[in-house]
């Protein structure tokens, strides 16, 4: 057993031997040992986004730690399953670093595992593309992912690109930024597991974190990829603020019939990291999985699951 396997197995064994309350208090103890300025940076980040729970010890608020503890206690076996289904040791080291950060507020392993070589989504060791690619960009934002794709693979390396975005002002920028490129379909729609209508929920920190909800507001049509795209697709990228599981369910037929490359964000809650690969495996067991992350080592976000 190599060093990465040993460290992961030791972490899993330690967590397996603890109650949920014990895990919670150990995470709190590790957080208390973090320098104050880093504590504040983490708290500000958690409290700006409604993904992982709030953290404000001065007010007795420890939701972030409680929810991480619950995830580790209830799903360690799911994380072990994922570890053994990862296709390379970069991925395994990344998973270890993420869980070690959750449990110990350790920043060294996340700094070691952070991706420095390639753009988000386009690890050239993993993702190869041809002139016949039909690319689907869920959460296209201002076109940054498409521009990255074109930079990495070239303007002749696709057949068609579908861009989905839910925020009208951002959608206008998306169209403007990509108007010079051929065969791009712009769709101002949300993508989920059923067709219908939802409402835009704006994030005060960043429009990139806008999402969908049931509260009244600006209406957004919602579709599924199986209903909205009739041709075979070869690549689906999804970064849609916690709707990735629903988008996956709405693309089951494409996944079964077309076996597209799947590049899914898995950091908008504490379950996507294991639940999305597990569901992909249920739909089509032929996929192999890889993990990369590209954010601050203080708290690993921008985590991409590659299912290939």
C-alpha atoms as a PDB file:
ATOM      1  CA  UNK A   1       0.000   0.000   0.000  1.00  0.00           C
ATOM      2  CA  UNK A   2       1.480   3.362  -1.011  1.00  0.00           C
ATOM      3  CA  UNK A   3       1.579   6.564   1.036  1.00  0.00           C
ATOM      4  CA  UNK A   4      -1.625   8.031  -0.417  1.00  0.00           C
ATOM      5  CA  UNK A   5      -3.576   4.822   0.214  1.00  0.00           C
ATOM      6  CA  UNK A   6      -2.163   4.615   3.739  1.00  0.00           C
ATOM      7  CA  UNK A   7      -3.184   8.170   4.600  1.00  0.00           C
ATOM      8  CA  UNK A   8      -6.665   7.762   3.176  1.00  0.00           C
ATOM      9  CA  UNK A   9      -7.240   4.435   4.950  1.00  0.00           C
ATOM     10  CA  UNK A  10      -5.999   5.909   8.228  1.00  0.00           C
ATOM     11  CA  UNK A  11      -8.338   8.888   7.901  1.00  0.00           C
ATOM     12  CA  UNK A  12     -11.287   6.639   7.032  1.00  0.00           C
ATOM     13  CA  UNK A  13     -10.517   4.305   9.952  1.00  0.00           C
ATOM     14  CA  UNK A  14     -10.302   7.204  12.410  1.00  0.00           C
ATOM     15  CA  UNK A  15     -13.626   8.674  11.281  1.00  0.00           C
ATOM     16  CA  UNK A  16     -15.322   5.248  11.274  1.00  0.00           C
ATOM     17  CA  UNK A  17     -14.360   4.823  14.934  1.00  0.00           C
ATOM     18  CA  UNK A  18     -16.076   8.025  16.076  1.00  0.00           C
ATOM     19  CA  UNK A  19     -19.640   9.005  16.864  1.00  0.00           C
ATOM     20  CA  UNK A  20     -21.185  11.951  15.062  1.00  0.00           C
ATOM     21  CA  UNK A  21     -20.767  14.102  18.176  1.00  0.00           C
ATOM     22  CA  UNK A  22     -17.108  13.125  18.502  1.00  0.00           C
ATOM     23  CA  UNK A  23     -16.460  14.042  14.865  1.00  0.00           C
ATOM     24  CA  UNK A  24     -18.148  17.403  15.430  1.00  0.00           C
ATOM     25  CA  UNK A  25     -16.019  18.244  18.466  1.00  0.00           C
ATOM     26  CA  UNK A  26     -12.814  17.167  16.734  1.00  0.00           C
ATOM     27  CA  UNK A  27     -13.574  19.438  13.778  1.00  0.00           C
ATOM     28  CA  UNK A  28     -14.292  22.294  16.211  1.00  0.00           C
ATOM     29  CA  UNK A  29     -11.004  21.648  18.006  1.00  0.00           C
ATOM     30  CA  UNK A  30      -9.088  21.775  14.731  1.00  0.00           C
ATOM     31  CA  UNK A  31     -10.875  24.988  13.738  1.00  0.00           C
ATOM     32  CA  UNK A  32      -9.984  26.585  17.085  1.00  0.00           C
ATOM     33  CA  UNK A  33      -6.299  25.941  16.314  1.00  0.00           C
ATOM     34  CA  UNK A  34      -6.428  27.815  13.001  1.00  0.00           C
ATOM     35  CA  UNK A  35      -4.927  31.345  13.092  1.00  0.00           C
ATOM     36  CA  UNK A  36      -7.569  33.980  13.687  1.00  0.00           C
ATOM     37  CA  UNK A  37      -7.133  35.729  10.327  1.00  0.00           C
ATOM     38  CA  UNK A  38      -7.635  32.439   8.481  1.00  0.00           C
ATOM     39  CA  UNK A  39     -10.658  31.633  10.638  1.00  0.00           C
ATOM     40  CA  UNK A  40     -12.174  34.958   9.621  1.00  0.00           C
ATOM     41  CA  UNK A  41     -11.416  34.337   5.950  1.00  0.00           C
ATOM     42  CA  UNK A  42     -13.155  30.957   6.115  1.00  0.00           C
ATOM     43  CA  UNK A  43     -16.148  32.336   8.015  1.00  0.00           C
ATOM     44  CA  UNK A  44     -16.605  35.231   5.587  1.00  0.00           C
ATOM     45  CA  UNK A  45     -16.507  32.820   2.668  1.00  0.00           C
ATOM     46  CA  UNK A  46     -18.973  30.316   4.170  1.00  0.00           C
ATOM     47  CA  UNK A  47     -21.393  33.061   5.201  1.00  0.00           C
ATOM     48  CA  UNK A  48     -21.415  34.731   1.776  1.00  0.00           C
ATOM     49  CA  UNK A  49     -22.713  31.596   0.063  1.00  0.00           C
ATOM     50  CA  UNK A  50     -25.602  29.454   1.223  1.00  0.00           C
ATOM     51  CA  UNK A  51     -23.975  26.119   0.372  1.00  0.00           C
ATOM     52  CA  UNK A  52     -22.279  24.593   3.422  1.00  0.00           C
ATOM     53  CA  UNK A  53     -23.896  26.213   6.470  1.00  0.00           C
ATOM     54  CA  UNK A  54     -23.014  29.339   8.415  1.00  0.00           C
ATOM     55  CA  UNK A  55     -20.085  29.654  10.794  1.00  0.00           C
ATOM     56  CA  UNK A  56     -19.955  32.387  13.464  1.00  0.00           C
ATOM     57  CA  UNK A  57     -18.533  31.131  16.779  1.00  0.00           C
ATOM     58  CA  UNK A  58     -19.085  34.473  18.525  1.00  0.00           C
ATOM     59  CA  UNK A  59     -22.815  33.968  17.995  1.00  0.00           C
ATOM     60  CA  UNK A  60     -22.664  30.230  18.738  1.00  0.00           C
ATOM     61  CA  UNK A  61     -23.329  29.337  15.088  1.00  0.00           C
ATOM     62  CA  UNK A  62     -21.504  26.188  13.943  1.00  0.00           C
ATOM     63  CA  UNK A  63     -23.718  24.972  11.074  1.00  0.00           C
ATOM     64  CA  UNK A  64     -20.774  24.469   8.712  1.00  0.00           C
ATOM     65  CA  UNK A  65     -18.994  22.216  11.191  1.00  0.00           C
ATOM     66  CA  UNK A  66     -22.191  20.364  12.104  1.00  0.00           C
ATOM     67  CA  UNK A  67     -23.013  19.643   8.474  1.00  0.00           C
ATOM     68  CA  UNK A  68     -19.473  18.520   7.632  1.00  0.00           C
ATOM     69  CA  UNK A  69     -19.535  16.227  10.666  1.00  0.00           C
ATOM     70  CA  UNK A  70     -22.857  14.754   9.593  1.00  0.00           C
ATOM     71  CA  UNK A  71     -21.550  14.127   6.075  1.00  0.00           C
ATOM     72  CA  UNK A  72     -18.397  12.392   7.307  1.00  0.00           C
ATOM     73  CA  UNK A  73     -20.301  10.297   9.847  1.00  0.00           C
ATOM     74  CA  UNK A  74     -23.111   9.204   7.520  1.00  0.00           C
ATOM     75  CA  UNK A  75     -21.181   8.798   4.268  1.00  0.00           C
ATOM     76  CA  UNK A  76     -17.634   7.688   4.981  1.00  0.00           C
ATOM     77  CA  UNK A  77     -18.357   4.402   3.195  1.00  0.00           C
ATOM     78  CA  UNK A  78     -19.560   6.358   0.167  1.00  0.00           C
ATOM     79  CA  UNK A  79     -16.315   8.330   0.137  1.00  0.00           C
ATOM     80  CA  UNK A  80     -14.383   5.054   0.400  1.00  0.00           C
ATOM     81  CA  UNK A  81     -16.390   3.719  -2.553  1.00  0.00           C
ATOM     82  CA  UNK A  82     -15.474   6.815  -4.564  1.00  0.00           C
ATOM     83  CA  UNK A  83     -11.791   6.525  -3.614  1.00  0.00           C
ATOM     84  CA  UNK A  84     -11.639   3.006  -5.014  1.00  0.00           C
ATOM     85  CA  UNK A  85     -13.406   4.087  -8.222  1.00  0.00           C
ATOM     86  CA  UNK A  86     -11.035   6.964  -8.985  1.00  0.00           C
ATOM     87  CA  UNK A  87      -8.860   6.430 -12.022  1.00  0.00           C
ATOM     88  CA  UNK A  88      -5.547   7.948 -10.926  1.00  0.00           C
ATOM     89  CA  UNK A  89      -3.606   8.895  -7.821  1.00  0.00           C
ATOM     90  CA  UNK A  90      -3.916  12.613  -8.501  1.00  0.00           C
ATOM     91  CA  UNK A  91      -7.631  12.089  -8.000  1.00  0.00           C
ATOM     92  CA  UNK A  92      -7.153   9.956  -4.900  1.00  0.00           C
ATOM     93  CA  UNK A  93      -4.813  12.498  -3.360  1.00  0.00           C
ATOM     94  CA  UNK A  94      -7.361  15.202  -4.171  1.00  0.00           C
ATOM     95  CA  UNK A  95     -10.169  13.320  -2.410  1.00  0.00           C
ATOM     96  CA  UNK A  96      -7.954  12.723   0.618  1.00  0.00           C
ATOM     97  CA  UNK A  97      -7.024  16.420   0.684  1.00  0.00           C
ATOM     98  CA  UNK A  98     -10.675  17.505   0.554  1.00  0.00           C
ATOM     99  CA  UNK A  99     -11.795  15.203   3.377  1.00  0.00           C
ATOM    100  CA  UNK A 100      -8.701  15.997   5.433  1.00  0.00           C
ATOM    101  CA  UNK A 101      -9.548  19.683   5.072  1.00  0.00           C
ATOM    102  CA  UNK A 102     -13.139  19.056   6.144  1.00  0.00           C
ATOM    103  CA  UNK A 103     -12.055  17.074   9.198  1.00  0.00           C
ATOM    104  CA  UNK A 104      -8.798  18.736  10.302  1.00  0.00           C
ATOM    105  CA  UNK A 105      -8.888  22.167   8.636  1.00  0.00           C
ATOM    106  CA  UNK A 106      -5.629  21.059   7.075  1.00  0.00           C
ATOM    107  CA  UNK A 107      -4.340  23.344   4.333  1.00  0.00           C
ATOM    108  CA  UNK A 108      -1.108  21.568   3.445  1.00  0.00           C
ATOM    109  CA  UNK A 109      -2.676  18.637   1.622  1.00  0.00           C
ATOM    110  CA  UNK A 110      -5.064  20.912  -0.291  1.00  0.00           C
ATOM    111  CA  UNK A 111      -2.134  23.089  -1.376  1.00  0.00           C
ATOM    112  CA  UNK A 112      -0.363  19.958  -2.644  1.00  0.00           C
ATOM    113  CA  UNK A 113      -3.422  18.711  -4.525  1.00  0.00           C
ATOM    114  CA  UNK A 114      -4.521  21.998  -6.121  1.00  0.00           C
ATOM    115  CA  UNK A 115      -4.531  21.981  -9.933  1.00  0.00           C
ATOM    116  CA  UNK A 116      -1.990  24.376 -11.407  1.00  0.00           C
ATOM    117  CA  UNK A 117      -1.333  22.881 -14.838  1.00  0.00           C
ATOM    118  CA  UNK A 118      -4.639  23.111 -16.705  1.00  0.00           C
ATOM    119  CA  UNK A 119      -7.749  25.269 -17.009  1.00  0.00           C
ATOM    120  CA  UNK A 120     -10.930  24.313 -15.158  1.00  0.00           C
ATOM    121  CA  UNK A 121     -12.615  21.363 -16.902  1.00  0.00           C
ATOM    122  CA  UNK A 122      -9.924  20.910 -19.532  1.00  0.00           C
ATOM    123  CA  UNK A 123      -7.226  18.714 -18.075  1.00  0.00           C
ATOM    124  CA  UNK A 124      -5.476  17.703 -21.279  1.00  0.00           C
ATOM    125  CA  UNK A 125      -4.346  14.409 -19.735  1.00  0.00           C
ATOM    126  CA  UNK A 126      -8.018  13.472 -19.362  1.00  0.00           C
ATOM    127  CA  UNK A 127     -10.162  15.311 -21.908  1.00  0.00           C
ATOM    128  CA  UNK A 128      -9.493  14.986 -25.618  1.00  0.00           C
ATOM    129  CA  UNK A 129     -11.800  16.494 -28.230  1.00  0.00           C
ATOM    130  CA  UNK A 130     -12.476  16.183 -31.962  1.00  0.00           C
ATOM    131  CA  UNK A 131     -14.144  18.172 -34.699  1.00  0.00           C
ATOM    132  CA  UNK A 132     -17.371  16.210 -34.070  1.00  0.00           C
ATOM    133  CA  UNK A 133     -17.892  17.389 -30.493  1.00  0.00           C
ATOM    134  CA  UNK A 134     -21.383  18.483 -29.477  1.00  0.00           C
ATOM    135  CA  UNK A 135     -20.681  20.405 -26.287  1.00  0.00           C
ATOM    136  CA  UNK A 136     -23.268  21.359 -23.660  1.00  0.00           C
ATOM    137  CA  UNK A 137     -22.311  24.132 -21.234  1.00  0.00           C
ATOM    138  CA  UNK A 138     -24.669  24.285 -18.245  1.00  0.00           C
ATOM    139  CA  UNK A 139     -24.036  27.477 -16.331  1.00  0.00           C
ATOM    140  CA  UNK A 140     -22.330  29.135 -19.295  1.00  0.00           C
ATOM    141  CA  UNK A 141     -22.139  32.478 -17.417  1.00  0.00           C
ATOM    142  CA  UNK A 142     -20.346  35.026 -19.651  1.00  0.00           C
ATOM    143  CA  UNK A 143     -18.819  32.394 -21.927  1.00  0.00           C
ATOM    144  CA  UNK A 144     -15.638  31.798 -19.936  1.00  0.00           C
ATOM    145  CA  UNK A 145     -15.802  28.004 -20.227  1.00  0.00           C
ATOM    146  CA  UNK A 146     -16.451  28.095 -23.977  1.00  0.00           C
ATOM    147  CA  UNK A 147     -13.561  30.507 -24.485  1.00  0.00           C
ATOM    148  CA  UNK A 148     -11.347  28.184 -22.452  1.00  0.00           C
ATOM    149  CA  UNK A 149     -12.481  25.257 -24.599  1.00  0.00           C
ATOM    150  CA  UNK A 150     -11.644  27.161 -27.796  1.00  0.00           C
ATOM    151  CA  UNK A 151      -8.250  28.177 -26.422  1.00  0.00           C
ATOM    152  CA  UNK A 152      -7.376  24.605 -25.425  1.00  0.00           C
ATOM    153  CA  UNK A 153      -8.733  22.730 -28.441  1.00  0.00           C
ATOM    154  CA  UNK A 154      -9.103  25.278 -31.221  1.00  0.00           C
ATOM    155  CA  UNK A 155     -12.005  26.958 -33.021  1.00  0.00           C
ATOM    156  CA  UNK A 156     -12.397  24.066 -35.451  1.00  0.00           C
ATOM    157  CA  UNK A 157     -12.665  21.429 -32.714  1.00  0.00           C
ATOM    158  CA  UNK A 158     -16.446  21.193 -32.356  1.00  0.00           C
ATOM    159  CA  UNK A 159     -19.584  20.613 -34.352  1.00  0.00           C
ATOM    160  CA  UNK A 160     -21.947  22.588 -32.115  1.00  0.00           C
ATOM    161  CA  UNK A 161     -21.998  24.166 -28.652  1.00  0.00           C
ATOM    162  CA  UNK A 162     -25.127  24.653 -26.529  1.00  0.00           C
ATOM    163  CA  UNK A 163     -24.913  27.366 -23.844  1.00  0.00           C
ATOM    164  CA  UNK A 164     -27.452  27.529 -20.993  1.00  0.00           C
ATOM    165  CA  UNK A 165     -27.667  30.530 -18.672  1.00  0.00           C
ATOM    166  CA  UNK A 166     -30.497  31.743 -16.390  1.00  0.00           C
ATOM    167  CA  UNK A 167     -29.647  35.391 -15.591  1.00  0.00           C
ATOM    168  CA  UNK A 168     -30.851  37.837 -18.312  1.00  0.00           C
ATOM    169  CA  UNK A 169     -28.035  40.397 -17.917  1.00  0.00           C
ATOM    170  CA  UNK A 170     -25.411  37.664 -17.891  1.00  0.00           C
ATOM    171  CA  UNK A 171     -27.095  35.974 -20.858  1.00  0.00           C
ATOM    172  CA  UNK A 172     -26.710  39.197 -22.864  1.00  0.00           C
ATOM    173  CA  UNK A 173     -22.976  39.270 -22.071  1.00  0.00           C
ATOM    174  CA  UNK A 174     -22.706  35.609 -22.981  1.00  0.00           C
ATOM    175  CA  UNK A 175     -24.146  36.228 -26.439  1.00  0.00           C
ATOM    176  CA  UNK A 176     -21.965  39.286 -26.987  1.00  0.00           C
ATOM    177  CA  UNK A 177     -18.758  37.502 -25.904  1.00  0.00           C
ATOM    178  CA  UNK A 178     -19.372  34.529 -28.195  1.00  0.00           C
ATOM    179  CA  UNK A 179     -21.126  36.207 -31.137  1.00  0.00           C
ATOM    180  CA  UNK A 180     -18.098  35.863 -33.434  1.00  0.00           C
ATOM    181  CA  UNK A 181     -18.003  32.073 -33.142  1.00  0.00           C
ATOM    182  CA  UNK A 182     -19.945  29.670 -35.330  1.00  0.00           C
ATOM    183  CA  UNK A 183     -22.601  27.083 -34.436  1.00  0.00           C
ATOM    184  CA  UNK A 184     -23.335  28.165 -30.880  1.00  0.00           C
ATOM    185  CA  UNK A 185     -26.886  27.762 -29.566  1.00  0.00           C
ATOM    186  CA  UNK A 186     -27.838  30.185 -26.755  1.00  0.00           C
ATOM    187  CA  UNK A 187     -30.633  29.070 -24.444  1.00  0.00           C
ATOM    188  CA  UNK A 188     -31.829  31.199 -21.539  1.00  0.00           C
ATOM    189  CA  UNK A 189     -33.197  28.276 -19.573  1.00  0.00           C
ATOM    190  CA  UNK A 190     -32.554  26.386 -16.393  1.00  0.00           C
ATOM    191  CA  UNK A 191     -31.775  22.687 -16.639  1.00  0.00           C
ATOM    192  CA  UNK A 192     -33.140  20.152 -14.181  1.00  0.00           C
ATOM    193  CA  UNK A 193     -34.926  16.776 -14.045  1.00  0.00           C
ATOM    194  CA  UNK A 194     -38.368  18.001 -15.179  1.00  0.00           C
ATOM    195  CA  UNK A 195     -39.719  20.713 -17.459  1.00  0.00           C
ATOM    196  CA  UNK A 196     -41.534  23.665 -15.959  1.00  0.00           C
ATOM    197  CA  UNK A 197     -40.984  27.144 -14.558  1.00  0.00           C
ATOM    198  CA  UNK A 198     -38.921  28.310 -11.587  1.00  0.00           C
ATOM    199  CA  UNK A 199     -37.722  31.687 -10.345  1.00  0.00           C
ATOM    200  CA  UNK A 200     -34.359  33.418 -10.370  1.00  0.00           C
ATOM    201  CA  UNK A 201     -32.702  33.658  -6.948  1.00  0.00           C
ATOM    202  CA  UNK A 202     -29.960  36.305  -7.019  1.00  0.00           C
ATOM    203  CA  UNK A 203     -26.807  35.962  -4.943  1.00  0.00           C
ATOM    204  CA  UNK A 204     -25.688  39.275  -3.461  1.00  0.00           C
ATOM    205  CA  UNK A 205     -21.989  38.348  -3.613  1.00  0.00           C
ATOM    206  CA  UNK A 206     -21.700  37.190  -7.215  1.00  0.00           C
ATOM    207  CA  UNK A 207     -24.066  36.745 -10.144  1.00  0.00           C
ATOM    208  CA  UNK A 208     -22.145  33.559 -10.946  1.00  0.00           C
ATOM    209  CA  UNK A 209     -23.850  32.059  -7.877  1.00  0.00           C
ATOM    210  CA  UNK A 210     -27.408  32.905  -8.984  1.00  0.00           C
ATOM    211  CA  UNK A 211     -29.655  29.882  -8.814  1.00  0.00           C
ATOM    212  CA  UNK A 212     -33.271  28.748  -9.138  1.00  0.00           C
ATOM    213  CA  UNK A 213     -35.950  28.503  -6.466  1.00  0.00           C
ATOM    214  CA  UNK A 214     -39.686  28.299  -5.840  1.00  0.00           C
ATOM    215  CA  UNK A 215     -40.072  31.829  -4.457  1.00  0.00           C
ATOM    216  CA  UNK A 216     -41.787  34.435  -6.599  1.00  0.00           C
ATOM    217  CA  UNK A 217     -39.532  36.598  -8.722  1.00  0.00           C
ATOM    218  CA  UNK A 218     -38.256  36.657 -12.273  1.00  0.00           C
ATOM    219  CA  UNK A 219     -39.564  33.564 -14.051  1.00  0.00           C
ATOM    220  CA  UNK A 220     -37.136  31.174 -15.699  1.00  0.00           C
ATOM    221  CA  UNK A 221     -38.197  28.314 -18.004  1.00  0.00           C
ATOM    222  CA  UNK A 222     -36.694  25.002 -16.948  1.00  0.00           C
ATOM    223  CA  UNK A 223     -36.055  22.035 -19.208  1.00  0.00           C
ATOM    224  CA  UNK A 224     -34.195  18.736 -19.314  1.00  0.00           C
ATOM    225  CA  UNK A 225     -31.355  17.943 -21.669  1.00  0.00           C
ATOM    226  CA  UNK A 226     -33.162  14.822 -22.858  1.00  0.00           C
ATOM    227  CA  UNK A 227     -36.105  16.983 -23.937  1.00  0.00           C
ATOM    228  CA  UNK A 228     -34.229  20.055 -25.143  1.00  0.00           C
ATOM    229  CA  UNK A 229     -31.442  18.556 -27.268  1.00  0.00           C
ATOM    230  CA  UNK A 230     -32.401  15.945 -29.842  1.00  0.00           C
ATOM    231  CA  UNK A 231     -28.975  15.230 -31.350  1.00  0.00           C
ATOM    232  CA  UNK A 232     -26.320  13.076 -29.636  1.00  0.00           C
ATOM    233  CA  UNK A 233     -24.045  15.022 -27.275  1.00  0.00           C
ATOM    234  CA  UNK A 234     -20.391  14.273 -26.575  1.00  0.00           C
ATOM    235  CA  UNK A 235     -19.527  16.547 -23.635  1.00  0.00           C
ATOM    236  CA  UNK A 236     -21.601  18.023 -20.790  1.00  0.00           C
ATOM    237  CA  UNK A 237     -20.117  20.571 -18.403  1.00  0.00           C
ATOM    238  CA  UNK A 238     -22.288  21.505 -15.417  1.00  0.00           C
ATOM    239  CA  UNK A 239     -21.670  24.246 -12.859  1.00  0.00           C
ATOM    240  CA  UNK A 240     -25.184  25.247 -11.848  1.00  0.00           C
ATOM    241  CA  UNK A 241     -25.075  26.026  -8.138  1.00  0.00           C
ATOM    242  CA  UNK A 242     -26.458  22.814  -6.668  1.00  0.00           C
ATOM    243  CA  UNK A 243     -28.713  21.756  -9.565  1.00  0.00           C
ATOM    244  CA  UNK A 244     -26.129  19.325 -10.922  1.00  0.00           C
ATOM    245  CA  UNK A 245     -27.932  16.239  -9.562  1.00  0.00           C
ATOM    246  CA  UNK A 246     -31.189  17.312 -11.184  1.00  0.00           C
ATOM    247  CA  UNK A 247     -29.470  18.067 -14.489  1.00  0.00           C
ATOM    248  CA  UNK A 248     -27.911  14.607 -14.374  1.00  0.00           C
ATOM    249  CA  UNK A 249     -31.311  12.960 -13.937  1.00  0.00           C
ATOM    250  CA  UNK A 250     -32.675  14.957 -16.859  1.00  0.00           C
ATOM    251  CA  UNK A 251     -29.859  13.746 -19.115  1.00  0.00           C
ATOM    252  CA  UNK A 252     -30.095   9.999 -18.404  1.00  0.00           C
ATOM    253  CA  UNK A 253     -30.953   9.048 -21.981  1.00  0.00           C
ATOM    254  CA  UNK A 254     -28.077  11.059 -23.422  1.00  0.00           C
ATOM    255  CA  UNK A 255     -25.735   9.447 -20.897  1.00  0.00           C
ATOM    256  CA  UNK A 256     -26.951   5.942 -21.713  1.00  0.00           C
ATOM    257  CA  UNK A 257     -27.100   6.389 -25.471  1.00  0.00           C
ATOM    258  CA  UNK A 258     -24.252   8.832 -26.203  1.00  0.00           C
ATOM    259  CA  UNK A 259     -21.801   8.263 -23.319  1.00  0.00           C
ATOM    260  CA  UNK A 260     -20.746  11.944 -23.265  1.00  0.00           C
ATOM    261  CA  UNK A 261     -17.764  13.168 -21.286  1.00  0.00           C
ATOM    262  CA  UNK A 262     -19.197  14.554 -18.039  1.00  0.00           C
ATOM    263  CA  UNK A 263     -17.452  17.471 -16.321  1.00  0.00           C
ATOM    264  CA  UNK A 264     -19.518  18.202 -13.226  1.00  0.00           C
ATOM    265  CA  UNK A 265     -18.929  20.609 -10.353  1.00  0.00           C
ATOM    266  CA  UNK A 266     -19.292  18.711  -7.073  1.00  0.00           C
ATOM    267  CA  UNK A 267     -18.770  21.329  -4.369  1.00  0.00           C
ATOM    268  CA  UNK A 268     -22.068  23.190  -3.924  1.00  0.00           C
ATOM    269  CA  UNK A 269     -23.073  21.052  -0.938  1.00  0.00           C
ATOM    270  CA  UNK A 270     -21.652  18.189   1.114  1.00  0.00           C
ATOM    271  CA  UNK A 271     -23.172  15.305  -0.849  1.00  0.00           C
ATOM    272  CA  UNK A 272     -22.461  15.960  -4.538  1.00  0.00           C
ATOM    273  CA  UNK A 273     -18.871  14.796  -4.093  1.00  0.00           C
ATOM    274  CA  UNK A 274     -19.994  11.185  -3.615  1.00  0.00           C
ATOM    275  CA  UNK A 275     -23.605  11.212  -4.775  1.00  0.00           C
ATOM    276  CA  UNK A 276     -23.062  12.409  -8.354  1.00  0.00           C
ATOM    277  CA  UNK A 277     -20.424   9.777  -9.240  1.00  0.00           C
ATOM    278  CA  UNK A 278     -22.518   7.100  -7.553  1.00  0.00           C
ATOM    279  CA  UNK A 279     -25.564   8.061  -9.631  1.00  0.00           C
ATOM    280  CA  UNK A 280     -23.538   8.171 -12.858  1.00  0.00           C
ATOM    281  CA  UNK A 281     -22.252   4.681 -12.041  1.00  0.00           C
ATOM    282  CA  UNK A 282     -25.838   3.473 -11.561  1.00  0.00           C
ATOM    283  CA  UNK A 283     -26.880   4.895 -14.932  1.00  0.00           C
ATOM    284  CA  UNK A 284     -23.821   3.658 -16.822  1.00  0.00           C
ATOM    285  CA  UNK A 285     -21.171   1.568 -15.021  1.00  0.00           C
ATOM    286  CA  UNK A 286     -18.673   2.009 -17.869  1.00  0.00           C
ATOM    287  CA  UNK A 287     -17.632   5.479 -16.678  1.00  0.00           C
ATOM    288  CA  UNK A 288     -14.311   6.049 -14.929  1.00  0.00           C
ATOM    289  CA  UNK A 289     -13.933   8.914 -12.458  1.00  0.00           C
ATOM    290  CA  UNK A 290     -11.313  11.580 -11.795  1.00  0.00           C
ATOM    291  CA  UNK A 291     -11.185  14.593  -9.463  1.00  0.00           C
ATOM    292  CA  UNK A 292      -9.425  17.949  -9.766  1.00  0.00           C
ATOM    293  CA  UNK A 293      -9.802  21.174  -7.779  1.00  0.00           C
ATOM    294  CA  UNK A 294      -8.550  24.681  -8.489  1.00  0.00           C
ATOM    295  CA  UNK A 295      -9.541  26.972  -5.608  1.00  0.00           C
ATOM    296  CA  UNK A 296      -7.908  28.314  -2.448  1.00  0.00           C
ATOM    297  CA  UNK A 297      -6.268  25.648  -0.272  1.00  0.00           C
ATOM    298  CA  UNK A 298      -8.086  27.158   2.720  1.00  0.00           C
ATOM    299  CA  UNK A 299     -11.341  25.586   1.586  1.00  0.00           C
ATOM    300  CA  UNK A 300     -11.482  23.400  -1.533  1.00  0.00           C
ATOM    301  CA  UNK A 301     -14.141  24.524  -3.995  1.00  0.00           C
ATOM    302  CA  UNK A 302     -14.097  24.530  -7.799  1.00  0.00           C
ATOM    303  CA  UNK A 303     -13.970  20.739  -7.531  1.00  0.00           C
ATOM    304  CA  UNK A 304     -14.610  19.035 -10.856  1.00  0.00           C
ATOM    305  CA  UNK A 305     -15.650  15.425 -11.260  1.00  0.00           C
ATOM    306  CA  UNK A 306     -14.564  14.003 -14.620  1.00  0.00           C
ATOM    307  CA  UNK A 307     -16.654  10.979 -15.688  1.00  0.00           C
ATOM    308  CA  UNK A 308     -15.148   9.585 -18.857  1.00  0.00           C
END
